[in-house]
Amino acid sequence: MINPPTSPAPQPAARAGLGFWGAVGLIADASAIVTLAMQGPTMLALVTCAVALLAGIRLITTRLHGAPRVGLLVLLIGAAAFAVVLIGPDRVRSWASPTPSDVTAMTGGCAPFQVFAQNRWQPYGARQLAGPNLQSRVIGPIAPNKTIYVNGWVHGAVAYPLNSPPWNSDIYFHLADNSGWVTFAGIRAVPTDQDPTGHSPDGGVPAATLGACQGAIQ
């Protein structure tokens, strides 16, 4: 009786390779998810997604016991995170959570553009509002320097009349996923650093208020 040939046992170096790529892939997946949740679709999120996809492919093509399954898991998570980077987390959340009926709609506006929740003065971050008015329902906080996509603006009641110009503006920006509004003072055109004193005259770069982006409350 001839015994069938047996597969050679994985060498220690091969096992180490499986462990290395598995760890790299899972860490990259976790980093991509955390980055998307905290900062939005940044370059760091894109890079970590790419690393996860590379690790997943490397594991799938490795002929080691259990490697293809680990690689498939890493690859699926990385691909899902990459899709969110391309589509935009705000749009994905809007698909998962329909816009509440009390959110004020806007007509007009322009193509979505990127802004950031302010990180200059306390209280850091921004508030997502149901309408272009501070008296409207607060949907939730937006983390400092988090990417936001807006697609227009309208005039409303002055949010912070005691702020120095231009942060005492009456402008409110409409979120591109139709999930709410943010105040002019709550966002910036670029990420900002904190001013611990709270007295610096430099509040950061204001978000653009192009005439072509002016909308109207529906």
N, C-alpha and C. Protein backbone atom coordinates (compact mmCIF):
# COMPACT_ATOMS: atom_id res chain seq x y z
N MET A 1 0.85 -1.19 0.00
CA MET A 1 0.00 0.00 0.00
C MET A 1 0.89 1.25 0.00
N ILE A 2 0.55 2.13 -0.91
CA ILE A 2 1.35 3.36 -1.02
C ILE A 2 0.63 4.48 -0.30
N ASN A 3 1.28 5.06 0.66
CA ASN A 3 0.69 6.17 1.39
C ASN A 3 0.72 7.43 0.54
N PRO A 4 -0.39 8.20 0.57
CA PRO A 4 -0.40 9.45 -0.20
C PRO A 4 0.61 10.43 0.36
N PRO A 5 1.18 11.22 -0.50
CA PRO A 5 2.17 12.20 -0.01
C PRO A 5 1.52 13.20 0.92
N THR A 6 2.22 13.56 1.92
CA THR A 6 1.72 14.52 2.89
C THR A 6 2.34 15.88 2.63
N SER A 7 1.57 16.89 2.91
CA SER A 7 2.08 18.25 2.73
C SER A 7 3.12 18.53 3.78
N PRO A 8 4.20 19.12 3.39
CA PRO A 8 5.23 19.44 4.39
C PRO A 8 4.70 20.44 5.41
N ALA A 9 5.13 20.27 6.64
CA ALA A 9 4.70 21.18 7.70
C ALA A 9 5.24 22.57 7.42
N PRO A 10 4.44 23.60 7.69
CA PRO A 10 4.92 24.96 7.46
C PRO A 10 6.20 25.24 8.23
N GLN A 11 7.12 25.84 7.59
CA GLN A 11 8.37 26.20 8.23
C GLN A 11 8.14 27.36 9.21
N PRO A 12 9.01 27.49 10.21
CA PRO A 12 8.85 28.60 11.17
C PRO A 12 8.79 29.96 10.49
N ALA A 13 9.58 30.13 9.42
CA ALA A 13 9.56 31.43 8.73
C ALA A 13 8.22 31.68 8.08
N ALA A 14 7.59 30.59 7.55
CA ALA A 14 6.28 30.75 6.92
C ALA A 14 5.23 31.10 7.96
N ARG A 15 5.30 30.42 9.11
CA ARG A 15 4.35 30.74 10.19
C ARG A 15 4.51 32.19 10.62
N ALA A 16 5.76 32.63 10.69
CA ALA A 16 6.02 34.02 11.09
C ALA A 16 5.42 34.98 10.07
N GLY A 17 5.53 34.58 8.76
CA GLY A 17 4.95 35.42 7.72
C GLY A 17 3.45 35.53 7.84
N LEU A 18 2.79 34.40 8.14
CA LEU A 18 1.34 34.41 8.35
C LEU A 18 0.97 35.32 9.51
N GLY A 19 1.70 35.19 10.61
CA GLY A 19 1.41 36.04 11.77
C GLY A 19 1.66 37.50 11.49
N PHE A 20 2.72 37.78 10.75
CA PHE A 20 3.05 39.18 10.44
C PHE A 20 1.98 39.82 9.58
N TRP A 21 1.64 39.16 8.45
CA TRP A 21 0.65 39.75 7.55
C TRP A 21 -0.74 39.78 8.17
N GLY A 22 -1.04 38.76 8.98
CA GLY A 22 -2.33 38.78 9.66
C GLY A 22 -2.44 39.95 10.62
N ALA A 23 -1.36 40.19 11.40
CA ALA A 23 -1.36 41.30 12.34
C ALA A 23 -1.41 42.64 11.61
N VAL A 24 -0.61 42.75 10.53
CA VAL A 24 -0.61 44.00 9.76
C VAL A 24 -2.00 44.28 9.19
N GLY A 25 -2.62 43.26 8.63
CA GLY A 25 -3.94 43.44 8.03
C GLY A 25 -5.00 43.85 9.03
N LEU A 26 -5.04 43.16 10.17
CA LEU A 26 -6.06 43.47 11.17
C LEU A 26 -5.83 44.85 11.79
N ILE A 27 -4.57 45.20 12.04
CA ILE A 27 -4.27 46.53 12.58
C ILE A 27 -4.64 47.61 11.58
N ALA A 28 -4.34 47.36 10.30
CA ALA A 28 -4.70 48.34 9.27
C ALA A 28 -6.21 48.49 9.15
N ASP A 29 -6.94 47.38 9.24
CA ASP A 29 -8.40 47.45 9.21
C ASP A 29 -8.93 48.29 10.36
N ALA A 30 -8.42 48.01 11.57
CA ALA A 30 -8.88 48.75 12.75
C ALA A 30 -8.53 50.23 12.64
N SER A 31 -7.32 50.52 12.15
CA SER A 31 -6.89 51.92 12.00
C SER A 31 -7.76 52.66 10.99
N ALA A 32 -8.10 51.98 9.90
CA ALA A 32 -8.94 52.61 8.88
C ALA A 32 -10.32 52.93 9.44
N ILE A 33 -10.89 52.00 10.21
CA ILE A 33 -12.22 52.22 10.77
C ILE A 33 -12.19 53.37 11.77
N VAL A 34 -11.18 53.39 12.65
CA VAL A 34 -11.08 54.46 13.65
C VAL A 34 -10.85 55.80 12.98
N THR A 35 -9.99 55.84 11.97
CA THR A 35 -9.71 57.10 11.26
C THR A 35 -10.96 57.62 10.56
N LEU A 36 -11.71 56.74 9.92
CA LEU A 36 -12.94 57.15 9.27
C LEU A 36 -13.94 57.71 10.27
N ALA A 37 -14.03 57.06 11.44
CA ALA A 37 -15.00 57.49 12.45
C ALA A 37 -14.61 58.83 13.06
N MET A 38 -13.31 59.06 13.25
CA MET A 38 -12.86 60.26 13.96
C MET A 38 -12.55 61.43 13.02
N GLN A 39 -11.98 61.14 11.85
CA GLN A 39 -11.51 62.22 10.98
C GLN A 39 -12.16 62.24 9.62
N GLY A 40 -12.84 61.18 9.23
CA GLY A 40 -13.44 61.13 7.92
C GLY A 40 -12.49 60.54 6.89
N PRO A 41 -12.80 60.69 5.60
CA PRO A 41 -12.00 60.07 4.53
C PRO A 41 -10.71 60.82 4.25
N THR A 42 -9.77 60.76 5.17
CA THR A 42 -8.49 61.45 5.02
C THR A 42 -7.50 60.57 4.28
N MET A 43 -6.32 61.14 3.98
CA MET A 43 -5.26 60.37 3.33
C MET A 43 -4.81 59.22 4.21
N LEU A 44 -4.81 59.42 5.54
CA LEU A 44 -4.44 58.33 6.44
C LEU A 44 -5.40 57.16 6.32
N ALA A 45 -6.69 57.45 6.21
CA ALA A 45 -7.68 56.38 6.04
C ALA A 45 -7.44 55.65 4.73
N LEU A 46 -7.11 56.38 3.67
CA LEU A 46 -6.86 55.77 2.38
C LEU A 46 -5.63 54.86 2.43
N VAL A 47 -4.57 55.33 3.10
CA VAL A 47 -3.34 54.54 3.19
C VAL A 47 -3.57 53.27 3.99
N THR A 48 -4.26 53.36 5.13
CA THR A 48 -4.50 52.18 5.94
C THR A 48 -5.40 51.17 5.21
N CYS A 49 -6.34 51.66 4.42
CA CYS A 49 -7.16 50.76 3.61
C CYS A 49 -6.29 50.02 2.60
N ALA A 50 -5.37 50.74 1.97
CA ALA A 50 -4.49 50.13 0.98
C ALA A 50 -3.60 49.06 1.61
N VAL A 51 -3.09 49.35 2.81
CA VAL A 51 -2.26 48.37 3.52
C VAL A 51 -3.08 47.13 3.86
N ALA A 52 -4.33 47.32 4.31
CA ALA A 52 -5.19 46.19 4.63
C ALA A 52 -5.46 45.33 3.40
N LEU A 53 -5.73 45.97 2.27
CA LEU A 53 -5.98 45.23 1.03
C LEU A 53 -4.74 44.45 0.61
N LEU A 54 -3.57 45.06 0.73
CA LEU A 54 -2.32 44.38 0.38
C LEU A 54 -2.10 43.17 1.28
N ALA A 55 -2.32 43.35 2.58
CA ALA A 55 -2.13 42.25 3.52
C ALA A 55 -3.12 41.12 3.25
N GLY A 56 -4.36 41.48 2.94
CA GLY A 56 -5.35 40.46 2.64
C GLY A 56 -4.98 39.64 1.42
N ILE A 57 -4.55 40.31 0.35
CA ILE A 57 -4.14 39.60 -0.87
C ILE A 57 -2.92 38.72 -0.59
N ARG A 58 -1.99 39.23 0.18
CA ARG A 58 -0.78 38.45 0.51
C ARG A 58 -1.16 37.18 1.28
N LEU A 59 -2.10 37.27 2.21
CA LEU A 59 -2.51 36.10 2.97
C LEU A 59 -3.26 35.09 2.11
N ILE A 60 -4.14 35.59 1.23
CA ILE A 60 -4.92 34.69 0.38
C ILE A 60 -4.01 33.89 -0.55
N THR A 61 -2.94 34.50 -1.01
CA THR A 61 -2.03 33.82 -1.94
C THR A 61 -0.97 33.00 -1.22
N THR A 62 -0.99 32.99 0.10
CA THR A 62 -0.04 32.19 0.87
C THR A 62 -0.63 30.81 1.13
N ARG A 63 0.09 29.77 0.77
CA ARG A 63 -0.42 28.41 0.90
C ARG A 63 -0.11 27.87 2.30
N LEU A 64 -0.73 28.47 3.26
CA LEU A 64 -0.60 28.04 4.65
C LEU A 64 -1.98 27.76 5.21
N HIS A 65 -2.04 26.81 6.11
CA HIS A 65 -3.33 26.43 6.69
C HIS A 65 -3.94 27.64 7.42
N GLY A 66 -5.16 27.99 7.05
CA GLY A 66 -5.87 29.08 7.71
C GLY A 66 -5.59 30.45 7.14
N ALA A 67 -4.52 30.57 6.33
CA ALA A 67 -4.16 31.90 5.80
C ALA A 67 -5.24 32.47 4.88
N PRO A 68 -5.79 31.67 3.95
CA PRO A 68 -6.82 32.25 3.07
C PRO A 68 -8.03 32.79 3.81
N ARG A 69 -8.45 32.11 4.88
CA ARG A 69 -9.61 32.60 5.63
C ARG A 69 -9.30 33.91 6.33
N VAL A 70 -8.12 33.97 6.96
CA VAL A 70 -7.73 35.23 7.61
C VAL A 70 -7.59 36.33 6.56
N GLY A 71 -6.98 35.99 5.41
CA GLY A 71 -6.81 36.97 4.36
C GLY A 71 -8.12 37.48 3.82
N LEU A 72 -9.10 36.56 3.67
CA LEU A 72 -10.42 36.98 3.16
C LEU A 72 -11.09 37.94 4.13
N LEU A 73 -10.98 37.65 5.43
CA LEU A 73 -11.56 38.54 6.44
C LEU A 73 -10.92 39.92 6.37
N VAL A 74 -9.59 39.95 6.34
CA VAL A 74 -8.86 41.23 6.25
C VAL A 74 -9.24 41.97 4.98
N LEU A 75 -9.33 41.23 3.87
CA LEU A 75 -9.63 41.85 2.58
C LEU A 75 -11.05 42.43 2.55
N LEU A 76 -12.02 41.71 3.11
CA LEU A 76 -13.40 42.19 3.11
C LEU A 76 -13.55 43.46 3.95
N ILE A 77 -12.93 43.46 5.13
CA ILE A 77 -13.02 44.65 6.00
C ILE A 77 -12.33 45.83 5.33
N GLY A 78 -11.15 45.57 4.75
CA GLY A 78 -10.42 46.64 4.08
C GLY A 78 -11.18 47.18 2.88
N ALA A 79 -11.81 46.28 2.12
CA ALA A 79 -12.59 46.72 0.95
C ALA A 79 -13.79 47.55 1.37
N ALA A 80 -14.45 47.14 2.47
CA ALA A 80 -15.60 47.91 2.96
C ALA A 80 -15.16 49.30 3.41
N ALA A 81 -14.03 49.38 4.13
CA ALA A 81 -13.52 50.68 4.57
C ALA A 81 -13.12 51.54 3.38
N PHE A 82 -12.52 50.91 2.36
CA PHE A 82 -12.12 51.65 1.16
C PHE A 82 -13.34 52.20 0.43
N ALA A 83 -14.42 51.42 0.39
CA ALA A 83 -15.66 51.88 -0.23
C ALA A 83 -16.22 53.10 0.50
N VAL A 84 -16.13 53.07 1.83
CA VAL A 84 -16.61 54.21 2.63
C VAL A 84 -15.76 55.45 2.33
N VAL A 85 -14.44 55.26 2.17
CA VAL A 85 -13.57 56.39 1.83
C VAL A 85 -13.99 57.01 0.50
N LEU A 86 -14.29 56.17 -0.48
CA LEU A 86 -14.66 56.68 -1.80
C LEU A 86 -16.04 57.33 -1.81
N ILE A 87 -16.99 56.70 -1.12
CA ILE A 87 -18.36 57.19 -1.13
C ILE A 87 -18.53 58.37 -0.18
N GLY A 88 -17.85 58.30 0.97
CA GLY A 88 -18.01 59.33 2.00
C GLY A 88 -18.82 58.78 3.16
N PRO A 89 -18.29 58.86 4.38
CA PRO A 89 -19.00 58.32 5.54
C PRO A 89 -20.34 58.99 5.81
N ASP A 90 -20.44 60.29 5.49
CA ASP A 90 -21.72 60.97 5.73
C ASP A 90 -22.82 60.40 4.86
N ARG A 91 -22.48 60.11 3.59
CA ARG A 91 -23.50 59.54 2.70
C ARG A 91 -23.87 58.12 3.15
N VAL A 92 -22.88 57.35 3.61
CA VAL A 92 -23.18 56.00 4.09
C VAL A 92 -24.10 56.06 5.30
N ARG A 93 -23.81 57.00 6.22
CA ARG A 93 -24.68 57.13 7.40
C ARG A 93 -26.09 57.55 6.99
N SER A 94 -26.19 58.39 5.96
CA SER A 94 -27.52 58.82 5.53
C SER A 94 -28.32 57.66 4.96
N TRP A 95 -27.64 56.70 4.33
CA TRP A 95 -28.34 55.51 3.83
C TRP A 95 -28.81 54.64 4.99
N ALA A 96 -27.95 54.53 6.02
CA ALA A 96 -28.29 53.67 7.15
C ALA A 96 -29.34 54.31 8.05
N SER A 97 -29.33 55.63 8.15
CA SER A 97 -30.26 56.34 9.04
C SER A 97 -30.99 57.41 8.23
N PRO A 98 -32.21 57.16 7.84
CA PRO A 98 -32.96 58.16 7.06
C PRO A 98 -33.04 59.49 7.80
N THR A 99 -33.08 60.57 7.05
CA THR A 99 -33.14 61.90 7.64
C THR A 99 -34.41 62.06 8.47
N PRO A 100 -34.30 62.51 9.73
CA PRO A 100 -35.50 62.72 10.55
C PRO A 100 -36.41 63.76 9.91
N SER A 101 -37.70 63.64 10.16
CA SER A 101 -38.68 64.50 9.50
C SER A 101 -38.57 65.95 9.94
N ASP A 102 -37.94 66.22 11.10
CA ASP A 102 -37.88 67.60 11.57
C ASP A 102 -36.65 68.34 11.05
N VAL A 103 -35.82 67.71 10.23
CA VAL A 103 -34.66 68.39 9.67
C VAL A 103 -35.12 69.30 8.53
N THR A 104 -34.76 70.57 8.62
CA THR A 104 -35.16 71.54 7.61
C THR A 104 -34.43 71.27 6.30
N ALA A 105 -35.18 71.18 5.21
CA ALA A 105 -34.59 70.92 3.90
C ALA A 105 -34.16 72.23 3.24
N MET A 106 -33.30 72.11 2.23
CA MET A 106 -32.81 73.27 1.50
C MET A 106 -32.95 73.03 0.01
N THR A 107 -33.30 74.06 -0.71
CA THR A 107 -33.29 74.01 -2.17
C THR A 107 -32.13 74.87 -2.67
N GLY A 108 -31.67 74.57 -3.88
CA GLY A 108 -30.54 75.32 -4.41
C GLY A 108 -29.24 74.80 -3.84
N GLY A 109 -28.28 75.68 -3.71
CA GLY A 109 -26.97 75.27 -3.21
C GLY A 109 -26.04 74.94 -4.35
N CYS A 110 -25.03 74.12 -4.06
CA CYS A 110 -24.00 73.81 -5.04
C CYS A 110 -23.47 72.41 -4.80
N ALA A 111 -22.44 72.04 -5.54
CA ALA A 111 -21.82 70.72 -5.35
C ALA A 111 -21.19 70.64 -3.96
N PRO A 112 -21.22 69.47 -3.32
CA PRO A 112 -20.64 69.33 -1.97
C PRO A 112 -19.17 69.73 -1.95
N PHE A 113 -18.77 70.38 -0.87
CA PHE A 113 -17.36 70.70 -0.68
C PHE A 113 -16.99 70.45 0.78
N GLN A 114 -15.70 70.27 1.01
CA GLN A 114 -15.20 69.83 2.31
C GLN A 114 -14.90 71.00 3.23
N VAL A 115 -15.34 70.86 4.48
CA VAL A 115 -14.98 71.79 5.56
C VAL A 115 -14.64 70.95 6.79
N PHE A 116 -14.27 71.62 7.89
CA PHE A 116 -13.84 70.91 9.09
C PHE A 116 -14.48 71.54 10.32
N ALA A 117 -14.88 70.71 11.27
CA ALA A 117 -15.39 71.22 12.54
C ALA A 117 -14.26 71.98 13.24
N GLN A 118 -14.59 73.13 13.81
CA GLN A 118 -13.54 73.99 14.37
C GLN A 118 -12.86 73.35 15.58
N ASN A 119 -11.57 73.59 15.68
CA ASN A 119 -10.77 73.08 16.79
C ASN A 119 -9.94 74.21 17.39
N ARG A 120 -10.45 75.45 17.21
CA ARG A 120 -9.66 76.62 17.61
C ARG A 120 -9.99 77.06 19.03
N TRP A 121 -11.28 77.23 19.30
CA TRP A 121 -11.70 77.76 20.59
C TRP A 121 -12.71 76.83 21.26
N GLN A 122 -12.73 76.89 22.59
CA GLN A 122 -13.71 76.10 23.33
C GLN A 122 -15.10 76.73 23.19
N PRO A 123 -16.14 75.91 23.17
CA PRO A 123 -16.11 74.44 23.13
C PRO A 123 -15.70 73.95 21.75
N TYR A 124 -14.71 73.05 21.74
CA TYR A 124 -14.18 72.56 20.47
C TYR A 124 -15.22 71.71 19.75
N GLY A 125 -15.10 71.69 18.43
CA GLY A 125 -16.03 70.92 17.62
C GLY A 125 -17.20 71.78 17.17
N ALA A 126 -18.22 71.13 16.66
CA ALA A 126 -19.41 71.82 16.18
C ALA A 126 -20.65 71.05 16.62
N ARG A 127 -21.80 71.70 16.45
CA ARG A 127 -23.07 71.04 16.75
C ARG A 127 -23.85 70.85 15.46
N GLN A 128 -24.35 69.67 15.28
CA GLN A 128 -25.21 69.38 14.14
C GLN A 128 -26.64 69.69 14.53
N LEU A 129 -27.25 70.63 13.81
CA LEU A 129 -28.57 71.13 14.14
C LEU A 129 -29.61 70.63 13.14
N ALA A 130 -30.85 70.57 13.59
CA ALA A 130 -31.94 70.14 12.70
C ALA A 130 -32.36 71.25 11.75
N GLY A 131 -32.02 72.49 12.06
CA GLY A 131 -32.39 73.62 11.21
C GLY A 131 -31.38 74.73 11.32
N PRO A 132 -31.48 75.75 10.47
CA PRO A 132 -30.56 76.88 10.50
C PRO A 132 -30.91 77.88 11.60
N ASN A 133 -30.88 77.39 12.82
CA ASN A 133 -31.24 78.21 13.98
C ASN A 133 -30.75 77.50 15.23
N LEU A 134 -30.14 78.24 16.16
CA LEU A 134 -29.66 77.61 17.39
C LEU A 134 -30.79 77.06 18.25
N GLN A 135 -32.00 77.53 18.01
CA GLN A 135 -33.14 77.03 18.79
C GLN A 135 -33.66 75.70 18.27
N SER A 136 -33.17 75.25 17.13
CA SER A 136 -33.61 73.97 16.59
C SER A 136 -32.95 72.82 17.35
N ARG A 137 -33.45 71.63 17.11
CA ARG A 137 -32.97 70.45 17.85
C ARG A 137 -31.50 70.19 17.54
N VAL A 138 -30.73 69.88 18.59
CA VAL A 138 -29.33 69.50 18.42
C VAL A 138 -29.29 67.99 18.14
N ILE A 139 -28.86 67.63 16.95
CA ILE A 139 -28.81 66.22 16.57
C ILE A 139 -27.64 65.53 17.25
N GLY A 140 -26.53 66.24 17.38
CA GLY A 140 -25.38 65.65 18.04
C GLY A 140 -24.13 66.49 17.83
N PRO A 141 -23.05 66.16 18.55
CA PRO A 141 -21.79 66.88 18.38
C PRO A 141 -21.01 66.36 17.18
N ILE A 142 -20.14 67.22 16.67
CA ILE A 142 -19.22 66.85 15.60
C ILE A 142 -17.81 67.07 16.14
N ALA A 143 -16.98 66.04 16.09
CA ALA A 143 -15.66 66.09 16.69
C ALA A 143 -14.78 67.16 16.06
N PRO A 144 -13.88 67.77 16.85
CA PRO A 144 -12.99 68.80 16.32
C PRO A 144 -12.17 68.30 15.14
N ASN A 145 -12.05 69.14 14.13
CA ASN A 145 -11.29 68.85 12.90
C ASN A 145 -11.86 67.69 12.09
N LYS A 146 -13.05 67.24 12.41
CA LYS A 146 -13.67 66.18 11.62
C LYS A 146 -14.12 66.74 10.27
N THR A 147 -13.90 65.97 9.24
CA THR A 147 -14.33 66.37 7.90
C THR A 147 -15.85 66.40 7.81
N ILE A 148 -16.37 67.48 7.23
CA ILE A 148 -17.81 67.62 6.99
C ILE A 148 -17.98 68.01 5.52
N TYR A 149 -19.01 67.50 4.89
CA TYR A 149 -19.32 67.92 3.52
C TYR A 149 -20.61 68.73 3.54
N VAL A 150 -20.55 69.92 3.00
CA VAL A 150 -21.71 70.80 2.92
C VAL A 150 -21.99 71.13 1.46
N ASN A 151 -23.22 71.50 1.17
CA ASN A 151 -23.57 71.78 -0.23
C ASN A 151 -24.35 73.09 -0.39
N GLY A 152 -24.18 73.99 0.56
CA GLY A 152 -24.84 75.28 0.43
C GLY A 152 -25.02 75.95 1.78
N TRP A 153 -25.55 77.15 1.74
CA TRP A 153 -25.74 77.90 2.97
C TRP A 153 -26.96 78.82 2.83
N VAL A 154 -27.48 79.24 3.99
CA VAL A 154 -28.59 80.19 4.02
C VAL A 154 -28.34 81.17 5.16
N HIS A 155 -29.05 82.28 5.12
CA HIS A 155 -29.03 83.22 6.23
C HIS A 155 -30.07 82.80 7.27
N GLY A 156 -29.75 83.04 8.54
CA GLY A 156 -30.67 82.73 9.62
C GLY A 156 -30.43 83.68 10.77
N ALA A 157 -30.95 83.34 11.94
CA ALA A 157 -30.69 84.16 13.13
C ALA A 157 -29.22 84.08 13.49
N VAL A 158 -28.64 85.22 13.89
CA VAL A 158 -27.22 85.23 14.27
C VAL A 158 -27.01 84.25 15.42
N ALA A 159 -26.08 83.32 15.23
CA ALA A 159 -25.86 82.28 16.24
C ALA A 159 -25.10 82.82 17.44
N TYR A 160 -24.04 83.57 17.19
CA TYR A 160 -23.18 84.04 18.29
C TYR A 160 -22.90 85.54 18.11
N PRO A 161 -23.84 86.39 18.51
CA PRO A 161 -23.70 87.83 18.27
C PRO A 161 -22.53 88.47 18.99
N LEU A 162 -22.03 87.86 20.06
CA LEU A 162 -20.93 88.45 20.81
C LEU A 162 -19.56 88.08 20.24
N ASN A 163 -19.52 87.17 19.29
CA ASN A 163 -18.24 86.82 18.66
C ASN A 163 -17.72 87.98 17.82
N SER A 164 -16.40 88.02 17.65
CA SER A 164 -15.81 89.01 16.77
C SER A 164 -16.00 88.57 15.33
N PRO A 165 -16.07 89.55 14.40
CA PRO A 165 -16.23 89.20 12.98
C PRO A 165 -15.06 88.33 12.50
N PRO A 166 -15.27 87.42 11.60
CA PRO A 166 -16.56 87.10 10.95
C PRO A 166 -17.37 86.04 11.69
N TRP A 167 -16.96 85.70 12.90
CA TRP A 167 -17.55 84.56 13.61
C TRP A 167 -18.90 84.90 14.24
N ASN A 168 -19.38 86.12 14.03
CA ASN A 168 -20.73 86.50 14.46
C ASN A 168 -21.70 86.48 13.28
N SER A 169 -21.39 85.69 12.27
CA SER A 169 -22.18 85.63 11.04
C SER A 169 -23.55 84.99 11.28
N ASP A 170 -24.47 85.31 10.39
CA ASP A 170 -25.82 84.71 10.46
C ASP A 170 -25.97 83.56 9.47
N ILE A 171 -24.85 83.07 8.97
CA ILE A 171 -24.88 82.01 7.94
C ILE A 171 -24.87 80.63 8.60
N TYR A 172 -25.65 79.73 8.02
CA TYR A 172 -25.68 78.32 8.42
C TYR A 172 -25.42 77.48 7.17
N PHE A 173 -24.59 76.46 7.33
CA PHE A 173 -24.26 75.57 6.21
C PHE A 173 -25.12 74.30 6.28
N HIS A 174 -25.56 73.88 5.12
CA HIS A 174 -26.40 72.68 5.00
C HIS A 174 -25.52 71.46 4.72
N LEU A 175 -25.69 70.40 5.51
CA LEU A 175 -24.90 69.19 5.31
C LEU A 175 -25.32 68.49 4.02
N ALA A 176 -24.33 68.03 3.28
CA ALA A 176 -24.58 67.48 1.96
C ALA A 176 -25.42 66.21 1.98
N ASP A 177 -25.43 65.50 3.12
CA ASP A 177 -26.23 64.27 3.19
C ASP A 177 -27.64 64.54 3.69
N ASN A 178 -28.01 65.82 3.78
CA ASN A 178 -29.35 66.25 4.20
C ASN A 178 -29.68 65.89 5.65
N SER A 179 -28.64 65.69 6.47
CA SER A 179 -28.87 65.28 7.85
C SER A 179 -28.90 66.43 8.85
N GLY A 180 -28.71 67.68 8.38
CA GLY A 180 -28.75 68.80 9.32
C GLY A 180 -27.98 70.01 8.85
N TRP A 181 -27.63 70.84 9.83
CA TRP A 181 -26.98 72.12 9.57
C TRP A 181 -25.87 72.36 10.58
N VAL A 182 -24.94 73.24 10.23
CA VAL A 182 -23.90 73.70 11.16
C VAL A 182 -23.78 75.21 11.03
N THR A 183 -23.35 75.86 12.09
CA THR A 183 -23.19 77.31 12.07
C THR A 183 -21.91 77.71 11.35
N PHE A 184 -21.86 78.95 10.91
CA PHE A 184 -20.65 79.49 10.28
C PHE A 184 -19.47 79.40 11.25
N ALA A 185 -19.70 79.74 12.52
CA ALA A 185 -18.62 79.74 13.52
C ALA A 185 -18.17 78.34 13.89
N GLY A 186 -18.96 77.34 13.55
CA GLY A 186 -18.63 75.97 13.97
C GLY A 186 -17.71 75.23 13.03
N ILE A 187 -17.39 75.83 11.88
CA ILE A 187 -16.56 75.12 10.91
C ILE A 187 -15.46 76.03 10.38
N ARG A 188 -14.48 75.40 9.74
CA ARG A 188 -13.37 76.12 9.11
C ARG A 188 -13.08 75.50 7.75
N ALA A 189 -12.37 76.25 6.92
CA ALA A 189 -12.01 75.76 5.59
C ALA A 189 -10.89 74.72 5.67
N VAL A 190 -10.06 74.82 6.70
CA VAL A 190 -8.95 73.88 6.89
C VAL A 190 -8.89 73.50 8.37
N PRO A 191 -8.24 72.38 8.72
CA PRO A 191 -8.12 72.02 10.14
C PRO A 191 -7.41 73.12 10.93
N THR A 192 -7.74 73.21 12.20
CA THR A 192 -7.18 74.26 13.06
C THR A 192 -6.52 73.66 14.29
N ASP A 193 -5.61 74.43 14.89
CA ASP A 193 -4.98 74.07 16.15
C ASP A 193 -5.69 74.79 17.29
N GLN A 194 -5.66 74.20 18.46
CA GLN A 194 -6.33 74.80 19.61
C GLN A 194 -5.59 76.05 20.10
N ASP A 195 -6.36 77.01 20.56
CA ASP A 195 -5.82 78.20 21.21
C ASP A 195 -6.18 78.11 22.69
N PRO A 196 -5.27 77.60 23.53
CA PRO A 196 -5.60 77.41 24.94
C PRO A 196 -6.00 78.69 25.66
N THR A 197 -5.48 79.84 25.18
CA THR A 197 -5.79 81.11 25.84
C THR A 197 -7.21 81.57 25.52
N GLY A 198 -7.69 81.21 24.34
CA GLY A 198 -9.01 81.66 23.93
C GLY A 198 -9.04 83.11 23.51
N HIS A 199 -7.87 83.75 23.40
CA HIS A 199 -7.82 85.18 23.10
C HIS A 199 -7.12 85.51 21.78
N SER A 200 -6.65 84.50 21.07
CA SER A 200 -5.95 84.78 19.81
C SER A 200 -6.93 85.38 18.80
N PRO A 201 -6.53 86.45 18.11
CA PRO A 201 -7.41 87.03 17.08
C PRO A 201 -7.51 86.15 15.84
N ASP A 202 -6.60 85.18 15.70
CA ASP A 202 -6.62 84.29 14.55
C ASP A 202 -7.55 83.11 14.84
N GLY A 203 -8.71 83.15 14.24
CA GLY A 203 -9.67 82.07 14.47
C GLY A 203 -9.59 80.96 13.46
N GLY A 204 -8.71 81.10 12.48
CA GLY A 204 -8.61 80.10 11.43
C GLY A 204 -9.19 80.63 10.13
N VAL A 205 -9.16 79.79 9.09
CA VAL A 205 -9.65 80.18 7.77
C VAL A 205 -11.15 79.90 7.69
N PRO A 206 -11.97 80.93 7.49
CA PRO A 206 -13.42 80.70 7.42
C PRO A 206 -13.80 79.84 6.22
N ALA A 207 -14.89 79.13 6.36
CA ALA A 207 -15.43 78.37 5.22
C ALA A 207 -15.94 79.34 4.16
N ALA A 208 -15.78 78.96 2.91
CA ALA A 208 -16.19 79.83 1.80
C ALA A 208 -17.70 79.97 1.73
N THR A 209 -18.15 81.19 1.47
CA THR A 209 -19.59 81.46 1.31
C THR A 209 -19.83 82.04 -0.08
N LEU A 210 -19.56 81.23 -1.08
CA LEU A 210 -19.73 81.67 -2.47
C LEU A 210 -21.20 81.94 -2.77
N GLY A 211 -21.44 82.97 -3.55
CA GLY A 211 -22.81 83.29 -3.91
C GLY A 211 -23.52 82.15 -4.62
N ALA A 212 -22.76 81.39 -5.41
CA ALA A 212 -23.35 80.27 -6.16
C ALA A 212 -23.84 79.17 -5.24
N CYS A 213 -23.38 79.16 -3.98
CA CYS A 213 -23.76 78.12 -3.04
C CYS A 213 -24.93 78.54 -2.14
N GLN A 214 -25.41 79.75 -2.29
CA GLN A 214 -26.54 80.18 -1.45
C GLN A 214 -27.80 79.43 -1.83
N GLY A 215 -28.45 78.89 -0.82
CA GLY A 215 -29.68 78.15 -1.05
C GLY A 215 -30.85 78.86 -0.37
N ALA A 216 -31.95 78.14 -0.25
CA ALA A 216 -33.14 78.68 0.40
C ALA A 216 -33.79 77.57 1.20
N ILE A 217 -34.39 77.95 2.31
CA ILE A 217 -35.09 76.96 3.14
C ILE A 217 -36.33 76.48 2.40
N GLN A 218 -36.48 75.17 2.39
CA GLN A 218 -37.62 74.60 1.67
C GLN A 218 -38.86 74.52 2.54
